[in-house]
Amino acid sequence: MARTVTILLVEDDPNDALLVRMAFQRTRSGIPLIILPNGLEAINYLQGEGVYADRAKYPIPDIILLDLKMPLMSGFDVLRWIRERPGLKRLPVIVLTSSVQDADARTAYDAGANSYLVKPTDFNELVESIKNLGDFWLDGSKLPQTGQNAPEHPEP
């Protein structure tokens, strides 16, 4: 039985989170989108701590969409934390931000981002971006296993 793909969106702006959810409903309605409001909550989720201890209900995501500028813990810090964890370091992390600053893009890639997308200001453009994201990451790419079941080294 194939496992369902899960996407984790870490976004502190409730309006942006709602727009991304609506864009997913238009393009990828069958895919669970879990939304967390800040980086600290994302780390709790990824560690399976507290309310996120039930991995059947809160699975390790297959892809993370990560905002950069958040309270409590920035997206940069979350990204660095993920890349330091053996069971998560291959997890695709796509920065989804309003920042058009080259310095932010460089820092995100240096920290291990797989992609850097600037949030479109037009909803139809956001829908198209989410469609393209899904086409590439969900249909065109093989996602790595993550979490405790992921082998550290590929089999020969």
N, C-alpha and C. Protein backbone atom coordinates (compact mmCIF):
# COMPACT_ATOMS: atom_id res chain seq x y z
N MET A 1 0.84 -1.19 0.00
CA MET A 1 0.00 0.00 0.00
C MET A 1 0.89 1.25 0.00
N ALA A 2 0.69 2.11 -0.95
CA ALA A 2 1.49 3.32 -1.06
C ALA A 2 1.12 4.32 0.03
N ARG A 3 2.13 4.98 0.53
CA ARG A 3 1.94 5.97 1.56
C ARG A 3 1.50 7.29 0.92
N THR A 4 0.66 8.01 1.65
CA THR A 4 0.21 9.31 1.19
C THR A 4 1.33 10.34 1.36
N VAL A 5 1.49 11.19 0.38
CA VAL A 5 2.45 12.28 0.46
C VAL A 5 1.90 13.34 1.40
N THR A 6 2.77 13.88 2.25
CA THR A 6 2.38 14.93 3.18
C THR A 6 3.29 16.13 2.97
N ILE A 7 2.70 17.30 2.95
CA ILE A 7 3.47 18.54 2.82
C ILE A 7 3.26 19.38 4.07
N LEU A 8 4.36 19.90 4.58
CA LEU A 8 4.33 20.76 5.76
C LEU A 8 4.62 22.19 5.31
N LEU A 9 3.70 23.09 5.61
CA LEU A 9 3.89 24.51 5.35
C LEU A 9 4.15 25.21 6.68
N VAL A 10 5.29 25.89 6.77
CA VAL A 10 5.63 26.64 7.96
C VAL A 10 5.53 28.12 7.57
N GLU A 11 4.46 28.76 8.05
CA GLU A 11 4.11 30.11 7.62
C GLU A 11 3.44 30.85 8.76
N ASP A 12 4.00 31.99 9.15
CA ASP A 12 3.45 32.73 10.28
C ASP A 12 2.30 33.66 9.90
N ASP A 13 2.16 34.01 8.63
CA ASP A 13 1.09 34.90 8.21
C ASP A 13 -0.15 34.08 7.87
N PRO A 14 -1.22 34.19 8.67
CA PRO A 14 -2.41 33.37 8.41
C PRO A 14 -3.03 33.62 7.04
N ASN A 15 -2.92 34.85 6.52
CA ASN A 15 -3.46 35.13 5.19
C ASN A 15 -2.67 34.40 4.11
N ASP A 16 -1.33 34.41 4.22
CA ASP A 16 -0.51 33.69 3.26
C ASP A 16 -0.77 32.19 3.36
N ALA A 17 -0.89 31.67 4.59
CA ALA A 17 -1.17 30.24 4.78
C ALA A 17 -2.49 29.86 4.13
N LEU A 18 -3.50 30.69 4.28
CA LEU A 18 -4.80 30.42 3.67
C LEU A 18 -4.70 30.43 2.15
N LEU A 19 -3.97 31.38 1.60
CA LEU A 19 -3.82 31.45 0.14
C LEU A 19 -3.09 30.22 -0.40
N VAL A 20 -2.06 29.78 0.30
CA VAL A 20 -1.33 28.58 -0.13
C VAL A 20 -2.25 27.37 -0.03
N ARG A 21 -3.03 27.27 1.05
CA ARG A 21 -3.98 26.15 1.19
C ARG A 21 -4.98 26.17 0.02
N MET A 22 -5.51 27.33 -0.30
CA MET A 22 -6.47 27.44 -1.41
C MET A 22 -5.81 27.06 -2.74
N ALA A 23 -4.56 27.46 -2.94
CA ALA A 23 -3.84 27.10 -4.17
C ALA A 23 -3.63 25.59 -4.24
N PHE A 24 -3.33 24.96 -3.11
CA PHE A 24 -3.19 23.51 -3.09
C PHE A 24 -4.53 22.83 -3.38
N GLN A 25 -5.62 23.37 -2.84
CA GLN A 25 -6.93 22.78 -3.09
C GLN A 25 -7.27 22.83 -4.58
N ARG A 26 -6.82 23.86 -5.26
CA ARG A 26 -7.10 23.97 -6.70
C ARG A 26 -6.22 23.06 -7.54
N THR A 27 -5.02 22.75 -7.06
CA THR A 27 -4.07 22.00 -7.88
C THR A 27 -3.78 20.60 -7.37
N ARG A 28 -3.79 20.41 -6.08
CA ARG A 28 -3.41 19.13 -5.46
C ARG A 28 -4.33 18.84 -4.29
N SER A 29 -5.61 18.79 -4.55
CA SER A 29 -6.61 18.72 -3.46
C SER A 29 -6.50 17.47 -2.60
N GLY A 30 -5.93 16.39 -3.09
CA GLY A 30 -5.86 15.17 -2.31
C GLY A 30 -4.66 15.08 -1.39
N ILE A 31 -3.79 16.05 -1.44
CA ILE A 31 -2.56 15.98 -0.64
C ILE A 31 -2.73 16.71 0.68
N PRO A 32 -2.44 16.01 1.79
CA PRO A 32 -2.52 16.68 3.09
C PRO A 32 -1.50 17.82 3.19
N LEU A 33 -1.99 18.97 3.59
CA LEU A 33 -1.14 20.13 3.83
C LEU A 33 -1.27 20.49 5.29
N ILE A 34 -0.19 20.29 6.02
CA ILE A 34 -0.17 20.62 7.45
C ILE A 34 0.46 22.00 7.57
N ILE A 35 -0.22 22.90 8.28
CA ILE A 35 0.27 24.27 8.41
C ILE A 35 0.66 24.54 9.86
N LEU A 36 1.87 25.02 10.04
CA LEU A 36 2.36 25.40 11.36
C LEU A 36 2.75 26.88 11.34
N PRO A 37 2.51 27.60 12.46
CA PRO A 37 2.66 29.06 12.46
C PRO A 37 4.06 29.60 12.72
N ASN A 38 5.03 28.75 13.06
CA ASN A 38 6.37 29.27 13.32
C ASN A 38 7.40 28.15 13.31
N GLY A 39 8.66 28.55 13.32
CA GLY A 39 9.75 27.60 13.25
C GLY A 39 9.86 26.70 14.45
N LEU A 40 9.60 27.23 15.63
CA LEU A 40 9.67 26.42 16.84
C LEU A 40 8.64 25.29 16.80
N GLU A 41 7.45 25.61 16.33
CA GLU A 41 6.39 24.61 16.19
C GLU A 41 6.80 23.56 15.16
N ALA A 42 7.47 23.98 14.10
CA ALA A 42 7.94 23.04 13.08
C ALA A 42 8.93 22.05 13.66
N ILE A 43 9.84 22.54 14.48
CA ILE A 43 10.82 21.64 15.09
C ILE A 43 10.13 20.66 16.05
N ASN A 44 9.18 21.15 16.84
CA ASN A 44 8.42 20.25 17.70
C ASN A 44 7.73 19.17 16.86
N TYR A 45 7.14 19.57 15.75
CA TYR A 45 6.47 18.62 14.86
C TYR A 45 7.48 17.59 14.33
N LEU A 46 8.60 18.06 13.80
CA LEU A 46 9.58 17.16 13.20
C LEU A 46 10.21 16.21 14.21
N GLN A 47 10.30 16.65 15.47
CA GLN A 47 10.82 15.79 16.53
C GLN A 47 9.75 14.85 17.08
N GLY A 48 8.50 15.10 16.72
CA GLY A 48 7.41 14.27 17.25
C GLY A 48 7.17 14.52 18.72
N GLU A 49 7.30 15.76 19.13
CA GLU A 49 7.15 16.12 20.54
C GLU A 49 5.75 16.60 20.86
N GLY A 50 5.33 16.37 22.10
CA GLY A 50 4.05 16.88 22.59
C GLY A 50 2.88 16.39 21.77
N VAL A 51 2.07 17.30 21.31
CA VAL A 51 0.86 16.94 20.56
C VAL A 51 1.18 16.25 19.24
N TYR A 52 2.44 16.32 18.78
CA TYR A 52 2.83 15.73 17.50
C TYR A 52 3.45 14.34 17.65
N ALA A 53 3.33 13.73 18.81
CA ALA A 53 3.95 12.43 19.07
C ALA A 53 3.35 11.30 18.23
N ASP A 54 2.11 11.41 17.83
CA ASP A 54 1.44 10.36 17.06
C ASP A 54 1.82 10.48 15.58
N ARG A 55 2.78 9.65 15.13
CA ARG A 55 3.26 9.75 13.75
C ARG A 55 2.21 9.29 12.74
N ALA A 56 1.23 8.52 13.15
CA ALA A 56 0.15 8.18 12.22
C ALA A 56 -0.66 9.43 11.89
N LYS A 57 -0.84 10.28 12.87
CA LYS A 57 -1.60 11.51 12.68
C LYS A 57 -0.72 12.65 12.18
N TYR A 58 0.54 12.66 12.60
CA TYR A 58 1.49 13.72 12.24
C TYR A 58 2.75 13.11 11.63
N PRO A 59 2.65 12.61 10.39
CA PRO A 59 3.81 11.94 9.78
C PRO A 59 4.93 12.92 9.42
N ILE A 60 6.12 12.37 9.31
CA ILE A 60 7.22 13.17 8.80
C ILE A 60 6.82 13.60 7.38
N PRO A 61 6.92 14.87 7.07
CA PRO A 61 6.49 15.32 5.73
C PRO A 61 7.45 14.85 4.65
N ASP A 62 6.96 14.86 3.43
CA ASP A 62 7.78 14.52 2.28
C ASP A 62 8.44 15.77 1.71
N ILE A 63 7.81 16.92 1.94
CA ILE A 63 8.31 18.20 1.48
C ILE A 63 7.94 19.26 2.52
N ILE A 64 8.85 20.19 2.75
CA ILE A 64 8.55 21.32 3.62
C ILE A 64 8.58 22.59 2.78
N LEU A 65 7.53 23.39 2.92
CA LEU A 65 7.49 24.74 2.37
C LEU A 65 7.75 25.67 3.54
N LEU A 66 8.80 26.46 3.47
CA LEU A 66 9.28 27.18 4.64
C LEU A 66 9.40 28.68 4.37
N ASP A 67 8.68 29.45 5.19
CA ASP A 67 8.84 30.89 5.16
C ASP A 67 10.15 31.23 5.88
N LEU A 68 10.73 32.36 5.59
CA LEU A 68 12.00 32.73 6.22
C LEU A 68 11.82 33.64 7.43
N LYS A 69 11.02 34.66 7.28
CA LYS A 69 10.90 35.70 8.31
C LYS A 69 9.72 35.36 9.23
N MET A 70 10.06 34.71 10.36
CA MET A 70 9.02 34.29 11.31
C MET A 70 9.46 34.63 12.73
N PRO A 71 8.50 34.79 13.62
CA PRO A 71 8.85 35.01 15.02
C PRO A 71 9.31 33.70 15.67
N LEU A 72 9.94 33.82 16.81
CA LEU A 72 10.42 32.69 17.63
C LEU A 72 11.64 32.00 17.04
N MET A 73 11.59 31.66 15.76
CA MET A 73 12.72 31.01 15.10
C MET A 73 12.58 31.23 13.60
N SER A 74 13.61 31.75 12.98
CA SER A 74 13.54 32.06 11.55
C SER A 74 13.57 30.78 10.72
N GLY A 75 13.14 30.91 9.49
CA GLY A 75 13.22 29.80 8.55
C GLY A 75 14.66 29.37 8.31
N PHE A 76 15.59 30.30 8.33
CA PHE A 76 17.01 29.95 8.18
C PHE A 76 17.44 28.99 9.29
N ASP A 77 17.04 29.31 10.53
CA ASP A 77 17.41 28.47 11.67
C ASP A 77 16.75 27.09 11.59
N VAL A 78 15.50 27.06 11.15
CA VAL A 78 14.82 25.78 10.99
C VAL A 78 15.54 24.95 9.93
N LEU A 79 15.89 25.57 8.83
CA LEU A 79 16.59 24.87 7.75
C LEU A 79 17.92 24.31 8.23
N ARG A 80 18.69 25.09 8.95
CA ARG A 80 19.98 24.61 9.48
C ARG A 80 19.75 23.44 10.44
N TRP A 81 18.73 23.55 11.28
CA TRP A 81 18.40 22.48 12.23
C TRP A 81 18.07 21.19 11.48
N ILE A 82 17.26 21.29 10.43
CA ILE A 82 16.88 20.11 9.63
C ILE A 82 18.11 19.46 9.02
N ARG A 83 18.98 20.25 8.45
CA ARG A 83 20.16 19.71 7.76
C ARG A 83 21.17 19.07 8.71
N GLU A 84 21.07 19.37 10.00
CA GLU A 84 21.95 18.76 10.99
C GLU A 84 21.43 17.42 11.50
N ARG A 85 20.22 17.03 11.13
CA ARG A 85 19.60 15.80 11.60
C ARG A 85 19.76 14.70 10.56
N PRO A 86 20.44 13.60 10.92
CA PRO A 86 20.66 12.53 9.93
C PRO A 86 19.37 12.01 9.29
N GLY A 87 18.31 11.86 10.04
CA GLY A 87 17.07 11.33 9.50
C GLY A 87 16.26 12.33 8.68
N LEU A 88 16.66 13.59 8.71
CA LEU A 88 15.90 14.64 8.01
C LEU A 88 16.73 15.38 6.96
N LYS A 89 18.03 15.19 6.95
CA LYS A 89 18.90 16.05 6.14
C LYS A 89 18.62 15.98 4.65
N ARG A 90 17.98 14.90 4.18
CA ARG A 90 17.64 14.81 2.75
C ARG A 90 16.23 15.28 2.44
N LEU A 91 15.50 15.67 3.45
CA LEU A 91 14.12 16.12 3.28
C LEU A 91 14.08 17.37 2.41
N PRO A 92 13.34 17.35 1.30
CA PRO A 92 13.28 18.54 0.45
C PRO A 92 12.65 19.72 1.18
N VAL A 93 13.37 20.83 1.22
CA VAL A 93 12.89 22.05 1.84
C VAL A 93 12.87 23.14 0.78
N ILE A 94 11.69 23.65 0.52
CA ILE A 94 11.49 24.69 -0.47
C ILE A 94 11.15 25.97 0.28
N VAL A 95 12.01 26.94 0.15
CA VAL A 95 11.74 28.24 0.77
C VAL A 95 10.65 28.92 -0.05
N LEU A 96 9.61 29.33 0.66
CA LEU A 96 8.49 30.06 0.04
C LEU A 96 8.35 31.36 0.82
N THR A 97 8.84 32.43 0.24
CA THR A 97 9.02 33.68 0.98
C THR A 97 8.63 34.88 0.13
N SER A 98 8.41 35.99 0.78
CA SER A 98 8.17 37.23 0.05
C SER A 98 9.48 37.99 -0.19
N SER A 99 10.57 37.49 0.37
CA SER A 99 11.85 38.19 0.24
C SER A 99 12.46 37.99 -1.15
N VAL A 100 12.75 39.11 -1.79
CA VAL A 100 13.41 39.08 -3.10
C VAL A 100 14.90 39.42 -2.96
N GLN A 101 15.38 39.47 -1.74
CA GLN A 101 16.77 39.84 -1.47
C GLN A 101 17.73 38.72 -1.88
N ASP A 102 18.73 39.05 -2.69
CA ASP A 102 19.73 38.07 -3.09
C ASP A 102 20.43 37.47 -1.88
N ALA A 103 20.69 38.29 -0.86
CA ALA A 103 21.37 37.80 0.34
C ALA A 103 20.54 36.71 1.02
N ASP A 104 19.22 36.87 1.05
CA ASP A 104 18.36 35.84 1.66
C ASP A 104 18.41 34.55 0.84
N ALA A 105 18.37 34.68 -0.47
CA ALA A 105 18.44 33.49 -1.33
C ALA A 105 19.78 32.77 -1.14
N ARG A 106 20.87 33.52 -1.11
CA ARG A 106 22.19 32.90 -0.91
C ARG A 106 22.26 32.20 0.45
N THR A 107 21.77 32.87 1.48
CA THR A 107 21.80 32.29 2.83
C THR A 107 20.95 31.02 2.89
N ALA A 108 19.78 31.05 2.25
CA ALA A 108 18.91 29.88 2.24
C ALA A 108 19.59 28.70 1.53
N TYR A 109 20.17 28.95 0.37
CA TYR A 109 20.85 27.87 -0.35
C TYR A 109 22.07 27.38 0.44
N ASP A 110 22.82 28.29 1.04
CA ASP A 110 23.96 27.89 1.86
C ASP A 110 23.53 27.01 3.05
N ALA A 111 22.34 27.27 3.57
CA ALA A 111 21.83 26.50 4.70
C ALA A 111 21.22 25.17 4.26
N GLY A 112 21.07 24.97 2.96
CA GLY A 112 20.59 23.68 2.48
C GLY A 112 19.23 23.66 1.81
N ALA A 113 18.70 24.81 1.43
CA ALA A 113 17.42 24.84 0.73
C ALA A 113 17.55 24.13 -0.61
N ASN A 114 16.51 23.42 -1.00
CA ASN A 114 16.48 22.77 -2.30
C ASN A 114 15.98 23.71 -3.40
N SER A 115 15.20 24.71 -2.99
CA SER A 115 14.65 25.66 -3.94
C SER A 115 14.26 26.92 -3.18
N TYR A 116 14.18 28.02 -3.90
CA TYR A 116 13.83 29.31 -3.31
C TYR A 116 12.78 29.95 -4.20
N LEU A 117 11.55 30.02 -3.71
CA LEU A 117 10.45 30.59 -4.47
C LEU A 117 9.96 31.86 -3.79
N VAL A 118 9.83 32.90 -4.57
CA VAL A 118 9.25 34.14 -4.06
C VAL A 118 7.74 34.04 -4.23
N LYS A 119 7.02 34.33 -3.14
CA LYS A 119 5.56 34.25 -3.18
C LYS A 119 5.01 35.27 -4.17
N PRO A 120 4.25 34.80 -5.14
CA PRO A 120 3.62 35.75 -6.06
C PRO A 120 2.58 36.59 -5.31
N THR A 121 2.39 37.81 -5.75
CA THR A 121 1.38 38.67 -5.12
C THR A 121 0.00 38.45 -5.71
N ASP A 122 -0.06 37.82 -6.88
CA ASP A 122 -1.32 37.53 -7.55
C ASP A 122 -1.72 36.08 -7.26
N PHE A 123 -2.98 35.86 -6.86
CA PHE A 123 -3.42 34.51 -6.49
C PHE A 123 -3.30 33.53 -7.65
N ASN A 124 -3.65 33.93 -8.86
CA ASN A 124 -3.54 33.02 -10.00
C ASN A 124 -2.09 32.62 -10.26
N GLU A 125 -1.18 33.54 -10.03
CA GLU A 125 0.25 33.21 -10.16
C GLU A 125 0.68 32.25 -9.06
N LEU A 126 0.12 32.42 -7.85
CA LEU A 126 0.42 31.49 -6.76
C LEU A 126 -0.08 30.09 -7.12
N VAL A 127 -1.29 30.00 -7.65
CA VAL A 127 -1.84 28.71 -8.07
C VAL A 127 -0.90 28.07 -9.10
N GLU A 128 -0.45 28.84 -10.05
CA GLU A 128 0.47 28.32 -11.08
C GLU A 128 1.79 27.86 -10.45
N SER A 129 2.30 28.62 -9.49
CA SER A 129 3.54 28.23 -8.81
C SER A 129 3.37 26.93 -8.04
N ILE A 130 2.24 26.79 -7.35
CA ILE A 130 1.98 25.56 -6.60
C ILE A 130 1.81 24.38 -7.56
N LYS A 131 1.15 24.62 -8.69
CA LYS A 131 1.01 23.57 -9.70
C LYS A 131 2.38 23.13 -10.20
N ASN A 132 3.24 24.09 -10.52
CA ASN A 132 4.59 23.78 -11.00
C ASN A 132 5.40 23.06 -9.94
N LEU A 133 5.27 23.51 -8.70
CA LEU A 133 5.95 22.86 -7.58
C LEU A 133 5.53 21.40 -7.50
N GLY A 134 4.22 21.15 -7.57
CA GLY A 134 3.72 19.79 -7.51
C GLY A 134 4.16 18.96 -8.70
N ASP A 135 4.12 19.55 -9.88
CA ASP A 135 4.55 18.83 -11.08
C ASP A 135 6.00 18.37 -10.94
N PHE A 136 6.85 19.26 -10.45
CA PHE A 136 8.27 18.91 -10.33
C PHE A 136 8.53 17.97 -9.16
N TRP A 137 8.14 18.38 -7.94
CA TRP A 137 8.52 17.64 -6.74
C TRP A 137 7.70 16.37 -6.52
N LEU A 138 6.44 16.37 -6.95
CA LEU A 138 5.60 15.21 -6.67
C LEU A 138 5.47 14.26 -7.87
N ASP A 139 5.51 14.80 -9.07
CA ASP A 139 5.35 13.96 -10.25
C ASP A 139 6.68 13.65 -10.94
N GLY A 140 7.60 14.61 -10.94
CA GLY A 140 8.82 14.45 -11.71
C GLY A 140 10.05 14.05 -10.93
N SER A 141 9.98 14.05 -9.61
CA SER A 141 11.15 13.74 -8.79
C SER A 141 10.89 12.54 -7.91
N LYS A 142 11.96 11.81 -7.58
CA LYS A 142 11.86 10.75 -6.59
C LYS A 142 12.23 11.38 -5.25
N LEU A 143 11.28 11.36 -4.33
CA LEU A 143 11.53 11.93 -3.02
C LEU A 143 12.29 10.93 -2.16
N PRO A 144 13.26 11.40 -1.37
CA PRO A 144 14.01 10.48 -0.51
C PRO A 144 13.17 10.03 0.67
N GLN A 145 13.49 8.84 1.18
CA GLN A 145 12.89 8.41 2.43
C GLN A 145 13.45 9.30 3.53
N THR A 146 12.61 9.63 4.48
CA THR A 146 13.06 10.45 5.60
C THR A 146 12.70 9.76 6.90
N GLY A 147 13.25 10.30 7.98
CA GLY A 147 12.92 9.77 9.30
C GLY A 147 13.76 8.56 9.65
N GLN A 148 13.29 7.78 10.60
CA GLN A 148 14.06 6.66 11.13
C GLN A 148 14.21 5.52 10.13
N ASN A 149 13.32 5.39 9.16
CA ASN A 149 13.40 4.29 8.21
C ASN A 149 14.31 4.58 7.02
N ALA A 150 14.85 5.76 6.96
CA ALA A 150 15.70 6.13 5.82
C ALA A 150 17.09 5.57 6.03
N PRO A 151 17.63 4.85 5.03
CA PRO A 151 19.00 4.37 5.16
C PRO A 151 19.97 5.54 5.08
N GLU A 152 21.00 5.49 5.90
CA GLU A 152 22.00 6.57 5.91
C GLU A 152 22.84 6.53 4.64
N HIS A 153 23.15 5.33 4.18
CA HIS A 153 23.93 5.17 2.95
C HIS A 153 23.13 4.31 1.99
N PRO A 154 23.12 4.66 0.71
CA PRO A 154 22.37 3.86 -0.25
C PRO A 154 22.93 2.45 -0.36
N GLU A 155 22.07 1.51 -0.66
CA GLU A 155 22.51 0.13 -0.82
C GLU A 155 23.30 0.01 -2.11
N PRO A 156 24.33 -0.87 -2.13
CA PRO A 156 25.15 -1.03 -3.35
C PRO A 156 24.36 -1.66 -4.48
